[in-house]
Amino acid sequence: MGIKASFEQVLQVLVFIYAVEEINRNPALLPNLTLGYHIFDSCASEMKALQSTLSIMSQQNEPVPNYMCQSEGALVGFIGDLSSSTTYSMALLLALYKYPQVGARLTSPLSMLS
């Protein structure tokens, strides 16, 4: 998290981590599966969001397009950034690789026209 992260943003990350840990602790919820996560701060920068997305996809500190050094687990999806512009940029990249993305604050392109 960046230095300018608000209390609300830190709280959202902590709630997310707590939820994943609770799901992993309960074998009745997702038997034989363990959820994991990578958390990156985009600092409201589309370029940093794309760099972080590529880093996650290639599992390297320096992103390498079309390369995956997977040591464990399968990457199955992404949760978008808090900003619609960075989430949209991520969505364009993720669509090329057919990874799904969800986001709590995504806005419809139609709603931006009004």
PDB file of N, CA and C in Angstrom:
ATOM      1  N   MET A   1       0.841  -1.173   0.000  1.00  0.00           N
ATOM      2  CA  MET A   1       0.000   0.000   0.000  1.00  0.00           C
ATOM      3  C   MET A   1       0.885   1.233   0.000  1.00  0.00           C
ATOM      4  N   GLY A   2       0.467   2.245  -0.731  1.00  0.00           N
ATOM      5  CA  GLY A   2       1.215   3.482  -0.757  1.00  0.00           C
ATOM      6  C   GLY A   2       1.049   4.244   0.543  1.00  0.00           C
ATOM      7  N   ILE A   3       1.912   5.210   0.751  1.00  0.00           N
ATOM      8  CA  ILE A   3       1.870   6.013   1.969  1.00  0.00           C
ATOM      9  C   ILE A   3       0.556   6.781   2.075  1.00  0.00           C
ATOM     10  N   LYS A   4      -0.023   7.134   0.931  1.00  0.00           N
ATOM     11  CA  LYS A   4      -1.243   7.924   0.936  1.00  0.00           C
ATOM     12  C   LYS A   4      -2.505   7.067   1.030  1.00  0.00           C
ATOM     13  N   ALA A   5      -2.357   5.786   1.306  1.00  0.00           N
ATOM     14  CA  ALA A   5      -3.526   4.915   1.413  1.00  0.00           C
ATOM     15  C   ALA A   5      -4.415   5.398   2.553  1.00  0.00           C
ATOM     16  N   SER A   6      -5.701   5.458   2.274  1.00  0.00           N
ATOM     17  CA  SER A   6      -6.631   5.890   3.302  1.00  0.00           C
ATOM     18  C   SER A   6      -6.943   4.733   4.242  1.00  0.00           C
ATOM     19  N   PHE A   7      -7.492   5.078   5.372  1.00  0.00           N
ATOM     20  CA  PHE A   7      -7.900   4.056   6.334  1.00  0.00           C
ATOM     21  C   PHE A   7      -8.896   3.096   5.691  1.00  0.00           C
ATOM     22  N   GLU A   8      -9.815   3.627   4.891  1.00  0.00           N
ATOM     23  CA  GLU A   8     -10.815   2.794   4.217  1.00  0.00           C
ATOM     24  C   GLU A   8     -10.153   1.779   3.282  1.00  0.00           C
ATOM     25  N   GLN A   9      -9.139   2.207   2.543  1.00  0.00           N
ATOM     26  CA  GLN A   9      -8.450   1.299   1.633  1.00  0.00           C
ATOM     27  C   GLN A   9      -7.715   0.194   2.391  1.00  0.00           C
ATOM     28  N   VAL A  10      -7.057   0.559   3.471  1.00  0.00           N
ATOM     29  CA  VAL A  10      -6.354  -0.438   4.283  1.00  0.00           C
ATOM     30  C   VAL A  10      -7.370  -1.412   4.879  1.00  0.00           C
ATOM     31  N   LEU A  11      -8.483  -0.899   5.351  1.00  0.00           N
ATOM     32  CA  LEU A  11      -9.525  -1.746   5.914  1.00  0.00           C
ATOM     33  C   LEU A  11     -10.071  -2.720   4.879  1.00  0.00           C
ATOM     34  N   GLN A  12     -10.267  -2.267   3.643  1.00  0.00           N
ATOM     35  CA  GLN A  12     -10.762  -3.144   2.580  1.00  0.00           C
ATOM     36  C   GLN A  12      -9.781  -4.284   2.317  1.00  0.00           C
ATOM     37  N   VAL A  13      -8.507  -4.000   2.317  1.00  0.00           N
ATOM     38  CA  VAL A  13      -7.495  -5.040   2.104  1.00  0.00           C
ATOM     39  C   VAL A  13      -7.511  -6.032   3.263  1.00  0.00           C
ATOM     40  N   LEU A  14      -7.597  -5.529   4.494  1.00  0.00           N
ATOM     41  CA  LEU A  14      -7.625  -6.413   5.654  1.00  0.00           C
ATOM     42  C   LEU A  14      -8.867  -7.302   5.669  1.00  0.00           C
ATOM     43  N   VAL A  15     -10.008  -6.747   5.269  1.00  0.00           N
ATOM     44  CA  VAL A  15     -11.241  -7.538   5.198  1.00  0.00           C
ATOM     45  C   VAL A  15     -11.109  -8.622   4.132  1.00  0.00           C
ATOM     46  N   PHE A  16     -10.511  -8.286   3.005  1.00  0.00           N
ATOM     47  CA  PHE A  16     -10.296  -9.265   1.936  1.00  0.00           C
ATOM     48  C   PHE A  16      -9.411 -10.409   2.432  1.00  0.00           C
ATOM     49  N   ILE A  17      -8.300 -10.074   3.080  1.00  0.00           N
ATOM     50  CA  ILE A  17      -7.380 -11.095   3.598  1.00  0.00           C
ATOM     51  C   ILE A  17      -8.093 -11.967   4.625  1.00  0.00           C
ATOM     52  N   TYR A  18      -8.849 -11.340   5.507  1.00  0.00           N
ATOM     53  CA  TYR A  18      -9.595 -12.090   6.520  1.00  0.00           C
ATOM     54  C   TYR A  18     -10.579 -13.060   5.862  1.00  0.00           C
ATOM     55  N   ALA A  19     -11.314 -12.588   4.849  1.00  0.00           N
ATOM     56  CA  ALA A  19     -12.299 -13.441   4.175  1.00  0.00           C
ATOM     57  C   ALA A  19     -11.627 -14.646   3.519  1.00  0.00           C
ATOM     58  N   VAL A  20     -10.513 -14.432   2.847  1.00  0.00           N
ATOM     59  CA  VAL A  20      -9.796 -15.539   2.212  1.00  0.00           C
ATOM     60  C   VAL A  20      -9.328 -16.543   3.259  1.00  0.00           C
ATOM     61  N   GLU A  21      -8.780 -16.054   4.353  1.00  0.00           N
ATOM     62  CA  GLU A  21      -8.307 -16.953   5.414  1.00  0.00           C
ATOM     63  C   GLU A  21      -9.460 -17.743   6.040  1.00  0.00           C
ATOM     64  N   GLU A  22     -10.604 -17.102   6.233  1.00  0.00           N
ATOM     65  CA  GLU A  22     -11.765 -17.798   6.788  1.00  0.00           C
ATOM     66  C   GLU A  22     -12.271 -18.874   5.828  1.00  0.00           C
ATOM     67  N   ILE A  23     -12.308 -18.574   4.554  1.00  0.00           N
ATOM     68  CA  ILE A  23     -12.722 -19.562   3.551  1.00  0.00           C
ATOM     69  C   ILE A  23     -11.757 -20.745   3.552  1.00  0.00           C
ATOM     70  N   ASN A  24     -10.468 -20.459   3.608  1.00  0.00           N
ATOM     71  CA  ASN A  24      -9.469 -21.533   3.610  1.00  0.00           C
ATOM     72  C   ASN A  24      -9.534 -22.388   4.879  1.00  0.00           C
ATOM     73  N   ARG A  25      -9.952 -21.802   5.999  1.00  0.00           N
ATOM     74  CA  ARG A  25     -10.041 -22.541   7.266  1.00  0.00           C
ATOM     75  C   ARG A  25     -11.237 -23.493   7.322  1.00  0.00           C
ATOM     76  N   ASN A  26     -12.259 -23.226   6.510  1.00  0.00           N
ATOM     77  CA  ASN A  26     -13.482 -24.027   6.553  1.00  0.00           C
ATOM     78  C   ASN A  26     -13.481 -25.037   5.398  1.00  0.00           C
ATOM     79  N   PRO A  27     -13.185 -26.310   5.677  1.00  0.00           N
ATOM     80  CA  PRO A  27     -13.095 -27.302   4.605  1.00  0.00           C
ATOM     81  C   PRO A  27     -14.433 -27.596   3.923  1.00  0.00           C
ATOM     82  N   ALA A  28     -15.531 -27.196   4.527  1.00  0.00           N
ATOM     83  CA  ALA A  28     -16.834 -27.426   3.913  1.00  0.00           C
ATOM     84  C   ALA A  28     -17.120 -26.435   2.782  1.00  0.00           C
ATOM     85  N   LEU A  29     -16.463 -25.275   2.786  1.00  0.00           N
ATOM     86  CA  LEU A  29     -16.752 -24.256   1.772  1.00  0.00           C
ATOM     87  C   LEU A  29     -16.148 -24.595   0.411  1.00  0.00           C
ATOM     88  N   LEU A  30     -14.868 -24.833   0.369  1.00  0.00           N
ATOM     89  CA  LEU A  30     -14.191 -25.185  -0.884  1.00  0.00           C
ATOM     90  C   LEU A  30     -13.299 -26.400  -0.635  1.00  0.00           C
ATOM     91  N   PRO A  31     -13.900 -27.591  -0.587  1.00  0.00           N
ATOM     92  CA  PRO A  31     -13.097 -28.773  -0.288  1.00  0.00           C
ATOM     93  C   PRO A  31     -11.999 -28.981  -1.338  1.00  0.00           C
ATOM     94  N   ASN A  32     -10.817 -29.317  -0.861  1.00  0.00           N
ATOM     95  CA  ASN A  32      -9.651 -29.606  -1.702  1.00  0.00           C
ATOM     96  C   ASN A  32      -9.143 -28.403  -2.492  1.00  0.00           C
ATOM     97  N   LEU A  33      -9.533 -27.206  -2.095  1.00  0.00           N
ATOM     98  CA  LEU A  33      -9.046 -25.982  -2.732  1.00  0.00           C
ATOM     99  C   LEU A  33      -8.536 -25.021  -1.675  1.00  0.00           C
ATOM    100  N   THR A  34      -7.482 -24.315  -2.006  1.00  0.00           N
ATOM    101  CA  THR A  34      -6.955 -23.272  -1.136  1.00  0.00           C
ATOM    102  C   THR A  34      -6.846 -21.997  -1.955  1.00  0.00           C
ATOM    103  N   LEU A  35      -7.463 -20.938  -1.466  1.00  0.00           N
ATOM    104  CA  LEU A  35      -7.390 -19.651  -2.157  1.00  0.00           C
ATOM    105  C   LEU A  35      -6.098 -18.939  -1.782  1.00  0.00           C
ATOM    106  N   GLY A  36      -5.568 -18.208  -2.728  1.00  0.00           N
ATOM    107  CA  GLY A  36      -4.395 -17.375  -2.493  1.00  0.00           C
ATOM    108  C   GLY A  36      -4.639 -16.001  -3.098  1.00  0.00           C
ATOM    109  N   TYR A  37      -3.688 -15.119  -2.936  1.00  0.00           N
ATOM    110  CA  TYR A  37      -3.856 -13.775  -3.477  1.00  0.00           C
ATOM    111  C   TYR A  37      -2.507 -13.080  -3.587  1.00  0.00           C
ATOM    112  N   HIS A  38      -2.458 -12.119  -4.470  1.00  0.00           N
ATOM    113  CA  HIS A  38      -1.338 -11.183  -4.604  1.00  0.00           C
ATOM    114  C   HIS A  38      -1.980  -9.807  -4.544  1.00  0.00           C
ATOM    115  N   ILE A  39      -1.461  -8.930  -3.726  1.00  0.00           N
ATOM    116  CA  ILE A  39      -2.021  -7.587  -3.600  1.00  0.00           C
ATOM    117  C   ILE A  39      -0.967  -6.580  -4.034  1.00  0.00           C
ATOM    118  N   PHE A  40      -1.347  -5.752  -4.993  1.00  0.00           N
ATOM    119  CA  PHE A  40      -0.471  -4.696  -5.485  1.00  0.00           C
ATOM    120  C   PHE A  40      -1.214  -3.369  -5.398  1.00  0.00           C
ATOM    121  N   ASP A  41      -0.491  -2.305  -5.120  1.00  0.00           N
ATOM    122  CA  ASP A  41      -1.052  -0.960  -5.092  1.00  0.00           C
ATOM    123  C   ASP A  41      -0.715  -0.288  -6.414  1.00  0.00           C
ATOM    124  N   SER A  42      -1.728   0.107  -7.154  1.00  0.00           N
ATOM    125  CA  SER A  42      -1.499   0.749  -8.451  1.00  0.00           C
ATOM    126  C   SER A  42      -1.129   2.221  -8.304  1.00  0.00           C
ATOM    127  N   CYS A  43      -1.304   2.775  -7.121  1.00  0.00           N
ATOM    128  CA  CYS A  43      -1.062   4.213  -6.887  1.00  0.00           C
ATOM    129  C   CYS A  43      -1.861   5.063  -7.878  1.00  0.00           C
ATOM    130  N   ALA A  44      -3.041   4.554  -8.269  1.00  0.00           N
ATOM    131  CA  ALA A  44      -3.937   5.225  -9.217  1.00  0.00           C
ATOM    132  C   ALA A  44      -3.274   5.453 -10.578  1.00  0.00           C
ATOM    133  N   SER A  45      -2.312   4.641 -10.920  1.00  0.00           N
ATOM    134  CA  SER A  45      -1.597   4.750 -12.185  1.00  0.00           C
ATOM    135  C   SER A  45      -1.947   3.564 -13.082  1.00  0.00           C
ATOM    136  N   GLU A  46      -2.441   3.859 -14.284  1.00  0.00           N
ATOM    137  CA  GLU A  46      -2.771   2.783 -15.224  1.00  0.00           C
ATOM    138  C   GLU A  46      -1.527   1.976 -15.574  1.00  0.00           C
ATOM    139  N   MET A  47      -0.402   2.644 -15.745  1.00  0.00           N
ATOM    140  CA  MET A  47       0.839   1.949 -16.101  1.00  0.00           C
ATOM    141  C   MET A  47       1.272   1.001 -14.982  1.00  0.00           C
ATOM    142  N   LYS A  48       1.194   1.459 -13.742  1.00  0.00           N
ATOM    143  CA  LYS A  48       1.577   0.605 -12.615  1.00  0.00           C
ATOM    144  C   LYS A  48       0.600  -0.561 -12.470  1.00  0.00           C
ATOM    145  N   ALA A  49      -0.682  -0.322 -12.717  1.00  0.00           N
ATOM    146  CA  ALA A  49      -1.676  -1.404 -12.658  1.00  0.00           C
ATOM    147  C   ALA A  49      -1.373  -2.459 -13.713  1.00  0.00           C
ATOM    148  N   LEU A  50      -1.026  -2.033 -14.916  1.00  0.00           N
ATOM    149  CA  LEU A  50      -0.693  -2.983 -15.986  1.00  0.00           C
ATOM    150  C   LEU A  50       0.595  -3.737 -15.675  1.00  0.00           C
ATOM    151  N   GLN A  51       1.577  -3.038 -15.138  1.00  0.00           N
ATOM    152  CA  GLN A  51       2.837  -3.686 -14.766  1.00  0.00           C
ATOM    153  C   GLN A  51       2.596  -4.728 -13.677  1.00  0.00           C
ATOM    154  N   SER A  52       1.789  -4.395 -12.688  1.00  0.00           N
ATOM    155  CA  SER A  52       1.479  -5.335 -11.611  1.00  0.00           C
ATOM    156  C   SER A  52       0.700  -6.541 -12.140  1.00  0.00           C
ATOM    157  N   THR A  53      -0.229  -6.288 -13.045  1.00  0.00           N
ATOM    158  CA  THR A  53      -1.009  -7.374 -13.642  1.00  0.00           C
ATOM    159  C   THR A  53      -0.095  -8.335 -14.399  1.00  0.00           C
ATOM    160  N   LEU A  54       0.825  -7.797 -15.183  1.00  0.00           N
ATOM    161  CA  LEU A  54       1.774  -8.645 -15.914  1.00  0.00           C
ATOM    162  C   LEU A  54       2.697  -9.394 -14.954  1.00  0.00           C
ATOM    163  N   SER A  55       3.093  -8.748 -13.872  1.00  0.00           N
ATOM    164  CA  SER A  55       3.944  -9.414 -12.874  1.00  0.00           C
ATOM    165  C   SER A  55       3.225 -10.613 -12.262  1.00  0.00           C
ATOM    166  N   ILE A  56       1.951 -10.429 -11.960  1.00  0.00           N
ATOM    167  CA  ILE A  56       1.169 -11.526 -11.393  1.00  0.00           C
ATOM    168  C   ILE A  56       1.030 -12.649 -12.418  1.00  0.00           C
ATOM    169  N   MET A  57       0.741 -12.290 -13.662  1.00  0.00           N
ATOM    170  CA  MET A  57       0.548 -13.302 -14.689  1.00  0.00           C
ATOM    171  C   MET A  57       1.824 -14.092 -14.968  1.00  0.00           C
ATOM    172  N   SER A  58       2.981 -13.437 -14.971  1.00  0.00           N
ATOM    173  CA  SER A  58       4.233 -14.144 -15.264  1.00  0.00           C
ATOM    174  C   SER A  58       4.912 -14.666 -14.001  1.00  0.00           C
ATOM    175  N   GLN A  59       4.406 -14.248 -12.835  1.00  0.00           N
ATOM    176  CA  GLN A  59       4.956 -14.611 -11.531  1.00  0.00           C
ATOM    177  C   GLN A  59       6.443 -14.272 -11.439  1.00  0.00           C
ATOM    178  N   GLN A  60       6.788 -13.120 -11.949  1.00  0.00           N
ATOM    179  CA  GLN A  60       8.151 -12.586 -11.915  1.00  0.00           C
ATOM    180  C   GLN A  60       8.086 -11.151 -11.389  1.00  0.00           C
ATOM    181  N   ASN A  61       9.142 -10.691 -10.721  1.00  0.00           N
ATOM    182  CA  ASN A  61       9.190  -9.291 -10.294  1.00  0.00           C
ATOM    183  C   ASN A  61       9.190  -8.361 -11.493  1.00  0.00           C
ATOM    184  N   GLU A  62       9.953  -8.726 -12.498  1.00  0.00           N
ATOM    185  CA  GLU A  62       9.949  -7.982 -13.753  1.00  0.00           C
ATOM    186  C   GLU A  62       8.982  -8.690 -14.688  1.00  0.00           C
ATOM    187  N   PRO A  63       7.902  -8.017 -15.103  1.00  0.00           N
ATOM    188  CA  PRO A  63       6.903  -8.691 -15.927  1.00  0.00           C
ATOM    189  C   PRO A  63       7.462  -9.150 -17.267  1.00  0.00           C
ATOM    190  N   VAL A  64       7.074 -10.354 -17.646  1.00  0.00           N
ATOM    191  CA  VAL A  64       7.488 -10.937 -18.919  1.00  0.00           C
ATOM    192  C   VAL A  64       6.220 -11.389 -19.638  1.00  0.00           C
ATOM    193  N   PRO A  65       5.788 -10.650 -20.682  1.00  0.00           N
ATOM    194  CA  PRO A  65       4.571 -11.055 -21.392  1.00  0.00           C
ATOM    195  C   PRO A  65       4.703 -12.467 -21.976  1.00  0.00           C
ATOM    196  N   ASN A  66       3.603 -13.203 -21.940  1.00  0.00           N
ATOM    197  CA  ASN A  66       3.509 -14.557 -22.500  1.00  0.00           C
ATOM    198  C   ASN A  66       4.441 -15.555 -21.836  1.00  0.00           C
ATOM    199  N   TYR A  67       4.827 -15.316 -20.590  1.00  0.00           N
ATOM    200  CA  TYR A  67       5.674 -16.251 -19.854  1.00  0.00           C
ATOM    201  C   TYR A  67       5.099 -16.429 -18.468  1.00  0.00           C
ATOM    202  N   MET A  68       5.025 -17.678 -18.004  1.00  0.00           N
ATOM    203  CA  MET A  68       4.549 -17.938 -16.649  1.00  0.00           C
ATOM    204  C   MET A  68       5.477 -18.927 -15.977  1.00  0.00           C
ATOM    205  N   CYS A  69       6.052 -18.504 -14.874  1.00  0.00           N
ATOM    206  CA  CYS A  69       6.904 -19.366 -14.068  1.00  0.00           C
ATOM    207  C   CYS A  69       6.076 -19.798 -12.870  1.00  0.00           C
ATOM    208  N   GLN A  70       5.194 -20.744 -13.098  1.00  0.00           N
ATOM    209  CA  GLN A  70       4.239 -21.148 -12.069  1.00  0.00           C
ATOM    210  C   GLN A  70       4.828 -22.224 -11.183  1.00  0.00           C
ATOM    211  N   SER A  71       4.995 -21.892  -9.907  1.00  0.00           N
ATOM    212  CA  SER A  71       5.555 -22.862  -8.981  1.00  0.00           C
ATOM    213  C   SER A  71       4.466 -23.641  -8.253  1.00  0.00           C
ATOM    214  N   GLU A  72       3.337 -23.012  -8.001  1.00  0.00           N
ATOM    215  CA  GLU A  72       2.233 -23.706  -7.338  1.00  0.00           C
ATOM    216  C   GLU A  72       0.940 -22.972  -7.605  1.00  0.00           C
ATOM    217  N   GLY A  73      -0.143 -23.708  -7.593  1.00  0.00           N
ATOM    218  CA  GLY A  73      -1.461 -23.117  -7.760  1.00  0.00           C
ATOM    219  C   GLY A  73      -1.712 -22.594  -9.161  1.00  0.00           C
ATOM    220  N   ALA A  74      -2.968 -22.409  -9.463  1.00  0.00           N
ATOM    221  CA  ALA A  74      -3.376 -21.892 -10.766  1.00  0.00           C
ATOM    222  C   ALA A  74      -3.974 -20.505 -10.594  1.00  0.00           C
ATOM    223  N   LEU A  75      -3.602 -19.633 -11.477  1.00  0.00           N
ATOM    224  CA  LEU A  75      -4.151 -18.284 -11.491  1.00  0.00           C
ATOM    225  C   LEU A  75      -5.505 -18.343 -12.190  1.00  0.00           C
ATOM    226  N   VAL A  76      -6.561 -17.955 -11.495  1.00  0.00           N
ATOM    227  CA  VAL A  76      -7.890 -18.117 -12.077  1.00  0.00           C
ATOM    228  C   VAL A  76      -8.641 -16.809 -12.314  1.00  0.00           C
ATOM    229  N   GLY A  77      -8.196 -15.704 -11.744  1.00  0.00           N
ATOM    230  CA  GLY A  77      -8.907 -14.459 -11.968  1.00  0.00           C
ATOM    231  C   GLY A  77      -8.285 -13.302 -11.215  1.00  0.00           C
ATOM    232  N   PHE A  78      -8.842 -12.119 -11.466  1.00  0.00           N
ATOM    233  CA  PHE A  78      -8.327 -10.881 -10.884  1.00  0.00           C
ATOM    234  C   PHE A  78      -9.469 -10.081 -10.286  1.00  0.00           C
ATOM    235  N   ILE A  79      -9.144  -9.338  -9.257  1.00  0.00           N
ATOM    236  CA  ILE A  79     -10.052  -8.344  -8.705  1.00  0.00           C
ATOM    237  C   ILE A  79      -9.488  -7.001  -9.107  1.00  0.00           C
ATOM    238  N   GLY A  80     -10.317  -6.179  -9.702  1.00  0.00           N
ATOM    239  CA  GLY A  80      -9.855  -4.908 -10.227  1.00  0.00           C
ATOM    240  C   GLY A  80      -9.475  -3.906  -9.163  1.00  0.00           C
ATOM    241  N   ASP A  81      -8.910  -2.828  -9.625  1.00  0.00           N
ATOM    242  CA  ASP A  81      -8.478  -1.722  -8.786  1.00  0.00           C
ATOM    243  C   ASP A  81      -9.699  -0.940  -8.303  1.00  0.00           C
ATOM    244  N   LEU A  82      -9.479  -0.035  -7.382  1.00  0.00           N
ATOM    245  CA  LEU A  82     -10.578   0.804  -6.904  1.00  0.00           C
ATOM    246  C   LEU A  82     -10.975   1.868  -7.927  1.00  0.00           C
ATOM    247  N   SER A  83     -10.089   2.162  -8.845  1.00  0.00           N
ATOM    248  CA  SER A  83     -10.356   3.167  -9.875  1.00  0.00           C
ATOM    249  C   SER A  83     -10.874   2.493 -11.145  1.00  0.00           C
ATOM    250  N   SER A  84     -11.898   3.065 -11.739  1.00  0.00           N
ATOM    251  CA  SER A  84     -12.443   2.504 -12.969  1.00  0.00           C
ATOM    252  C   SER A  84     -11.452   2.571 -14.123  1.00  0.00           C
ATOM    253  N   SER A  85     -10.663   3.648 -14.205  1.00  0.00           N
ATOM    254  CA  SER A  85      -9.737   3.777 -15.338  1.00  0.00           C
ATOM    255  C   SER A  85      -8.640   2.719 -15.286  1.00  0.00           C
ATOM    256  N   THR A  86      -8.093   2.451 -14.112  1.00  0.00           N
ATOM    257  CA  THR A  86      -7.050   1.423 -14.017  1.00  0.00           C
ATOM    258  C   THR A  86      -7.655   0.031 -14.175  1.00  0.00           C
ATOM    259  N   THR A  87      -8.859  -0.168 -13.652  1.00  0.00           N
ATOM    260  CA  THR A  87      -9.527  -1.463 -13.805  1.00  0.00           C
ATOM    261  C   THR A  87      -9.840  -1.727 -15.265  1.00  0.00           C
ATOM    262  N   TYR A  88     -10.249  -0.709 -15.992  1.00  0.00           N
ATOM    263  CA  TYR A  88     -10.550  -0.864 -17.421  1.00  0.00           C
ATOM    264  C   TYR A  88      -9.287  -1.225 -18.197  1.00  0.00           C
ATOM    265  N   SER A  89      -8.169  -0.576 -17.892  1.00  0.00           N
ATOM    266  CA  SER A  89      -6.900  -0.906 -18.546  1.00  0.00           C
ATOM    267  C   SER A  89      -6.506  -2.352 -18.271  1.00  0.00           C
ATOM    268  N   MET A  90      -6.682  -2.774 -17.024  1.00  0.00           N
ATOM    269  CA  MET A  90      -6.398  -4.168 -16.669  1.00  0.00           C
ATOM    270  C   MET A  90      -7.307  -5.107 -17.454  1.00  0.00           C
ATOM    271  N   ALA A  91      -8.575  -4.750 -17.569  1.00  0.00           N
ATOM    272  CA  ALA A  91      -9.547  -5.600 -18.263  1.00  0.00           C
ATOM    273  C   ALA A  91      -9.157  -5.804 -19.725  1.00  0.00           C
ATOM    274  N   LEU A  92      -8.664  -4.754 -20.369  1.00  0.00           N
ATOM    275  CA  LEU A  92      -8.239  -4.882 -21.767  1.00  0.00           C
ATOM    276  C   LEU A  92      -7.091  -5.877 -21.895  1.00  0.00           C
ATOM    277  N   LEU A  93      -6.131  -5.813 -20.988  1.00  0.00           N
ATOM    278  CA  LEU A  93      -5.003  -6.744 -21.009  1.00  0.00           C
ATOM    279  C   LEU A  93      -5.466  -8.158 -20.664  1.00  0.00           C
ATOM    280  N   LEU A  94      -6.264  -8.292 -19.617  1.00  0.00           N
ATOM    281  CA  LEU A  94      -6.701  -9.611 -19.164  1.00  0.00           C
ATOM    282  C   LEU A  94      -7.573 -10.307 -20.207  1.00  0.00           C
ATOM    283  N   ALA A  95      -8.316  -9.549 -20.991  1.00  0.00           N
ATOM    284  CA  ALA A  95      -9.157 -10.140 -22.035  1.00  0.00           C
ATOM    285  C   ALA A  95      -8.307 -10.878 -23.072  1.00  0.00           C
ATOM    286  N   LEU A  96      -7.107 -10.360 -23.345  1.00  0.00           N
ATOM    287  CA  LEU A  96      -6.216 -11.021 -24.305  1.00  0.00           C
ATOM    288  C   LEU A  96      -5.832 -12.419 -23.845  1.00  0.00           C
ATOM    289  N   TYR A  97      -5.702 -12.594 -22.535  1.00  0.00           N
ATOM    290  CA  TYR A  97      -5.296 -13.870 -21.956  1.00  0.00           C
ATOM    291  C   TYR A  97      -6.468 -14.663 -21.389  1.00  0.00           C
ATOM    292  N   LYS A  98      -7.675 -14.126 -21.580  1.00  0.00           N
ATOM    293  CA  LYS A  98      -8.917 -14.776 -21.157  1.00  0.00           C
ATOM    294  C   LYS A  98      -9.007 -15.020 -19.648  1.00  0.00           C
ATOM    295  N   TYR A  99      -8.499 -14.063 -18.865  1.00  0.00           N
ATOM    296  CA  TYR A  99      -8.649 -14.117 -17.410  1.00  0.00           C
ATOM    297  C   TYR A  99      -9.855 -13.275 -17.013  1.00  0.00           C
ATOM    298  N   PRO A 100     -10.713 -13.792 -16.152  1.00  0.00           N
ATOM    299  CA  PRO A 100     -11.843 -12.988 -15.682  1.00  0.00           C
ATOM    300  C   PRO A 100     -11.393 -11.952 -14.651  1.00  0.00           C
ATOM    301  N   GLN A 101     -12.175 -10.888 -14.564  1.00  0.00           N
ATOM    302  CA  GLN A 101     -11.886  -9.828 -13.597  1.00  0.00           C
ATOM    303  C   GLN A 101     -13.195  -9.338 -13.005  1.00  0.00           C
ATOM    304  N   VAL A 102     -13.193  -9.135 -11.697  1.00  0.00           N
ATOM    305  CA  VAL A 102     -14.337  -8.535 -11.030  1.00  0.00           C
ATOM    306  C   VAL A 102     -13.863  -7.277 -10.324  1.00  0.00           C
ATOM    307  N   GLY A 103     -14.785  -6.373 -10.093  1.00  0.00           N
ATOM    308  CA  GLY A 103     -14.432  -5.145  -9.391  1.00  0.00           C
ATOM    309  C   GLY A 103     -15.659  -4.538  -8.758  1.00  0.00           C
ATOM    310  N   ALA A 104     -15.495  -4.054  -7.553  1.00  0.00           N
ATOM    311  CA  ALA A 104     -16.627  -3.498  -6.824  1.00  0.00           C
ATOM    312  C   ALA A 104     -17.037  -2.125  -7.326  1.00  0.00           C
ATOM    313  N   ARG A 105     -16.114  -1.402  -7.890  1.00  0.00           N
ATOM    314  CA  ARG A 105     -16.420  -0.022  -8.276  1.00  0.00           C
ATOM    315  C   ARG A 105     -16.373   0.197  -9.780  1.00  0.00           C
ATOM    316  N   LEU A 106     -16.581  -0.845 -10.550  1.00  0.00           N
ATOM    317  CA  LEU A 106     -16.600  -0.687 -11.991  1.00  0.00           C
ATOM    318  C   LEU A 106     -17.825   0.109 -12.399  1.00  0.00           C
ATOM    319  N   THR A 107     -17.642   0.947 -13.406  1.00  0.00           N
ATOM    320  CA  THR A 107     -18.769   1.710 -13.920  1.00  0.00           C
ATOM    321  C   THR A 107     -19.014   1.293 -15.351  1.00  0.00           C
ATOM    322  N   SER A 108     -20.266   1.295 -15.718  1.00  0.00           N
ATOM    323  CA  SER A 108     -20.646   0.940 -17.076  1.00  0.00           C
ATOM    324  C   SER A 108     -20.248   2.066 -18.020  1.00  0.00           C
ATOM    325  N   PRO A 109     -19.729   1.727 -19.217  1.00  0.00           N
ATOM    326  CA  PRO A 109     -19.416   2.782 -20.184  1.00  0.00           C
ATOM    327  C   PRO A 109     -20.649   3.614 -20.532  1.00  0.00           C
ATOM    328  N   LEU A 110     -21.839   3.007 -20.475  1.00  0.00           N
ATOM    329  CA  LEU A 110     -23.063   3.747 -20.766  1.00  0.00           C
ATOM    330  C   LEU A 110     -23.335   4.799 -19.712  1.00  0.00           C
ATOM    331  N   SER A 111     -22.995   4.521 -18.448  1.00  0.00           N
ATOM    332  CA  SER A 111     -23.239   5.489 -17.383  1.00  0.00           C
ATOM    333  C   SER A 111     -22.304   6.685 -17.487  1.00  0.00           C
ATOM    334  N   MET A 112     -21.163   6.507 -18.176  1.00  0.00           N
ATOM    335  CA  MET A 112     -20.226   7.620 -18.322  1.00  0.00           C
ATOM    336  C   MET A 112     -20.695   8.622 -19.368  1.00  0.00           C
ATOM    337  N   LEU A 113     -21.639   8.203 -20.220  1.00  0.00           N
ATOM    338  CA  LEU A 113     -22.121   9.092 -21.268  1.00  0.00           C
ATOM    339  C   LEU A 113     -23.097  10.144 -20.746  1.00  0.00           C
ATOM    340  N   SER A 114     -23.722   9.864 -19.613  1.00  0.00           N
ATOM    341  CA  SER A 114     -24.713  10.816 -19.106  1.00  0.00           C
ATOM    342  C   SER A 114     -24.097  11.864 -18.217  1.00  0.00           C
TER     343      SER A 114
END
